[in-house]
Amino acid sequence: MIRDDLKRFPRNARSLYGLHESLVKQGRAGDAAWVKRQCDEAWRDADVTPSLDVM
């Protein structure tokens, strides 16, 4: 579901966050680090900022 959303909206910050969390829980640290950088960049471009530093 997250990957489908990212196919439609590649820079969706919330979906990137969900993918990051999933990769962390799977123990895929390298992939998670790459996605975290993408997520951080997407949040920089967002109209809103997250209320908590969740990452």
N, C-alpha and C. Protein backbone atom coordinates (compact mmCIF):
# COMPACT_ATOMS: atom_id res chain seq x y z
N MET A 1 0.81 -1.18 0.00
CA MET A 1 0.00 0.00 0.00
C MET A 1 0.87 1.26 0.00
N ILE A 2 1.90 1.28 0.83
CA ILE A 2 2.79 2.45 0.86
C ILE A 2 3.52 2.58 -0.47
N ARG A 3 4.03 1.47 -0.97
CA ARG A 3 4.77 1.54 -2.24
C ARG A 3 3.85 1.96 -3.39
N ASP A 4 2.58 1.52 -3.37
CA ASP A 4 1.62 1.96 -4.39
C ASP A 4 1.43 3.47 -4.31
N ASP A 5 1.31 4.00 -3.11
CA ASP A 5 1.16 5.44 -2.93
C ASP A 5 2.39 6.18 -3.44
N LEU A 6 3.56 5.63 -3.15
CA LEU A 6 4.79 6.29 -3.60
C LEU A 6 4.97 6.22 -5.11
N LYS A 7 4.37 5.23 -5.75
CA LYS A 7 4.40 5.20 -7.22
C LYS A 7 3.59 6.36 -7.78
N ARG A 8 2.46 6.65 -7.13
CA ARG A 8 1.60 7.74 -7.58
C ARG A 8 2.12 9.10 -7.15
N PHE A 9 2.66 9.17 -5.93
CA PHE A 9 3.14 10.42 -5.35
C PHE A 9 4.52 10.18 -4.76
N PRO A 10 5.56 10.21 -5.59
CA PRO A 10 6.90 9.79 -5.15
C PRO A 10 7.50 10.55 -3.98
N ARG A 11 7.08 11.76 -3.74
CA ARG A 11 7.68 12.55 -2.66
C ARG A 11 6.72 12.76 -1.51
N ASN A 12 5.76 11.85 -1.34
CA ASN A 12 4.81 11.96 -0.25
C ASN A 12 5.54 11.69 1.07
N ALA A 13 5.66 12.71 1.87
CA ALA A 13 6.46 12.62 3.10
C ALA A 13 5.90 11.58 4.08
N ARG A 14 4.60 11.51 4.19
CA ARG A 14 4.00 10.55 5.12
C ARG A 14 4.24 9.12 4.67
N SER A 15 4.14 8.87 3.38
CA SER A 15 4.40 7.52 2.88
C SER A 15 5.88 7.17 3.01
N LEU A 16 6.74 8.14 2.77
CA LEU A 16 8.17 7.89 2.96
C LEU A 16 8.47 7.55 4.41
N TYR A 17 7.81 8.23 5.33
CA TYR A 17 7.99 7.94 6.74
C TYR A 17 7.54 6.50 7.04
N GLY A 18 6.40 6.11 6.52
CA GLY A 18 5.91 4.74 6.73
C GLY A 18 6.85 3.71 6.15
N LEU A 19 7.38 3.97 4.98
CA LEU A 19 8.34 3.05 4.37
C LEU A 19 9.60 2.96 5.22
N HIS A 20 10.06 4.11 5.72
CA HIS A 20 11.25 4.12 6.58
C HIS A 20 11.03 3.25 7.81
N GLU A 21 9.89 3.42 8.47
CA GLU A 21 9.60 2.64 9.68
C GLU A 21 9.56 1.15 9.36
N SER A 22 8.97 0.80 8.24
CA SER A 22 8.89 -0.59 7.83
C SER A 22 10.28 -1.18 7.60
N LEU A 23 11.12 -0.44 6.92
CA LEU A 23 12.48 -0.92 6.65
C LEU A 23 13.29 -1.07 7.93
N VAL A 24 13.12 -0.14 8.86
CA VAL A 24 13.82 -0.23 10.14
C VAL A 24 13.42 -1.52 10.85
N LYS A 25 12.12 -1.79 10.89
CA LYS A 25 11.62 -2.98 11.59
C LYS A 25 12.06 -4.27 10.91
N GLN A 26 12.36 -4.19 9.62
CA GLN A 26 12.85 -5.35 8.89
C GLN A 26 14.37 -5.51 9.04
N GLY A 27 15.02 -4.56 9.68
CA GLY A 27 16.45 -4.62 9.86
C GLY A 27 17.24 -4.22 8.62
N ARG A 28 16.62 -3.49 7.74
CA ARG A 28 17.26 -3.06 6.49
C ARG A 28 17.79 -1.64 6.66
N ALA A 29 18.84 -1.52 7.45
CA ALA A 29 19.37 -0.21 7.85
C ALA A 29 19.83 0.64 6.67
N GLY A 30 20.49 0.04 5.71
CA GLY A 30 20.97 0.80 4.56
C GLY A 30 19.84 1.41 3.76
N ASP A 31 18.84 0.60 3.47
CA ASP A 31 17.67 1.11 2.74
C ASP A 31 16.93 2.15 3.56
N ALA A 32 16.80 1.90 4.87
CA ALA A 32 16.10 2.83 5.75
C ALA A 32 16.81 4.19 5.77
N ALA A 33 18.13 4.18 5.78
CA ALA A 33 18.89 5.43 5.81
C ALA A 33 18.65 6.23 4.53
N TRP A 34 18.61 5.54 3.39
CA TRP A 34 18.37 6.23 2.13
C TRP A 34 16.97 6.84 2.13
N VAL A 35 15.97 6.07 2.58
CA VAL A 35 14.59 6.57 2.60
C VAL A 35 14.47 7.72 3.60
N LYS A 36 15.18 7.67 4.72
CA LYS A 36 15.12 8.76 5.70
C LYS A 36 15.61 10.06 5.08
N ARG A 37 16.67 10.00 4.29
CA ARG A 37 17.15 11.22 3.62
C ARG A 37 16.09 11.76 2.67
N GLN A 38 15.42 10.86 1.95
CA GLN A 38 14.35 11.28 1.04
C GLN A 38 13.19 11.89 1.83
N CYS A 39 12.86 11.27 2.96
CA CYS A 39 11.77 11.75 3.80
C CYS A 39 12.10 13.14 4.37
N ASP A 40 13.30 13.30 4.88
CA ASP A 40 13.71 14.60 5.42
C ASP A 40 13.61 15.69 4.35
N GLU A 41 14.04 15.36 3.14
CA GLU A 41 13.97 16.32 2.04
C GLU A 41 12.52 16.64 1.69
N ALA A 42 11.66 15.64 1.68
CA ALA A 42 10.25 15.85 1.36
C ALA A 42 9.59 16.74 2.41
N TRP A 43 9.91 16.53 3.68
CA TRP A 43 9.32 17.38 4.73
C TRP A 43 9.81 18.81 4.60
N ARG A 44 11.04 19.02 4.12
CA ARG A 44 11.53 20.39 3.93
C ARG A 44 10.67 21.12 2.91
N ASP A 45 10.16 20.40 1.92
CA ASP A 45 9.35 21.01 0.86
C ASP A 45 7.87 21.08 1.22
N ALA A 46 7.47 20.51 2.33
CA ALA A 46 6.05 20.43 2.70
C ALA A 46 5.52 21.79 3.14
N ASP A 47 4.20 21.94 2.99
CA ASP A 47 3.53 23.16 3.43
C ASP A 47 3.38 23.21 4.95
N VAL A 48 3.46 22.06 5.59
CA VAL A 48 3.35 21.96 7.05
C VAL A 48 4.59 21.25 7.57
N THR A 49 4.81 21.37 8.84
CA THR A 49 5.91 20.64 9.45
C THR A 49 5.35 19.66 10.46
N PRO A 50 6.00 18.54 10.63
CA PRO A 50 5.50 17.58 11.63
C PRO A 50 5.57 18.19 13.02
N SER A 51 4.58 17.87 13.85
CA SER A 51 4.54 18.45 15.19
C SER A 51 5.52 17.76 16.14
N LEU A 52 5.93 16.55 15.81
CA LEU A 52 6.90 15.81 16.63
C LEU A 52 8.07 15.41 15.75
N ASP A 53 9.24 15.38 16.31
CA ASP A 53 10.39 14.87 15.57
C ASP A 53 10.34 13.35 15.70
N VAL A 54 9.64 12.71 14.79
CA VAL A 54 9.40 11.28 14.88
C VAL A 54 10.51 10.45 14.28
N MET A 55 11.44 11.08 13.63
CA MET A 55 12.50 10.31 13.01
C MET A 55 13.82 10.68 13.61
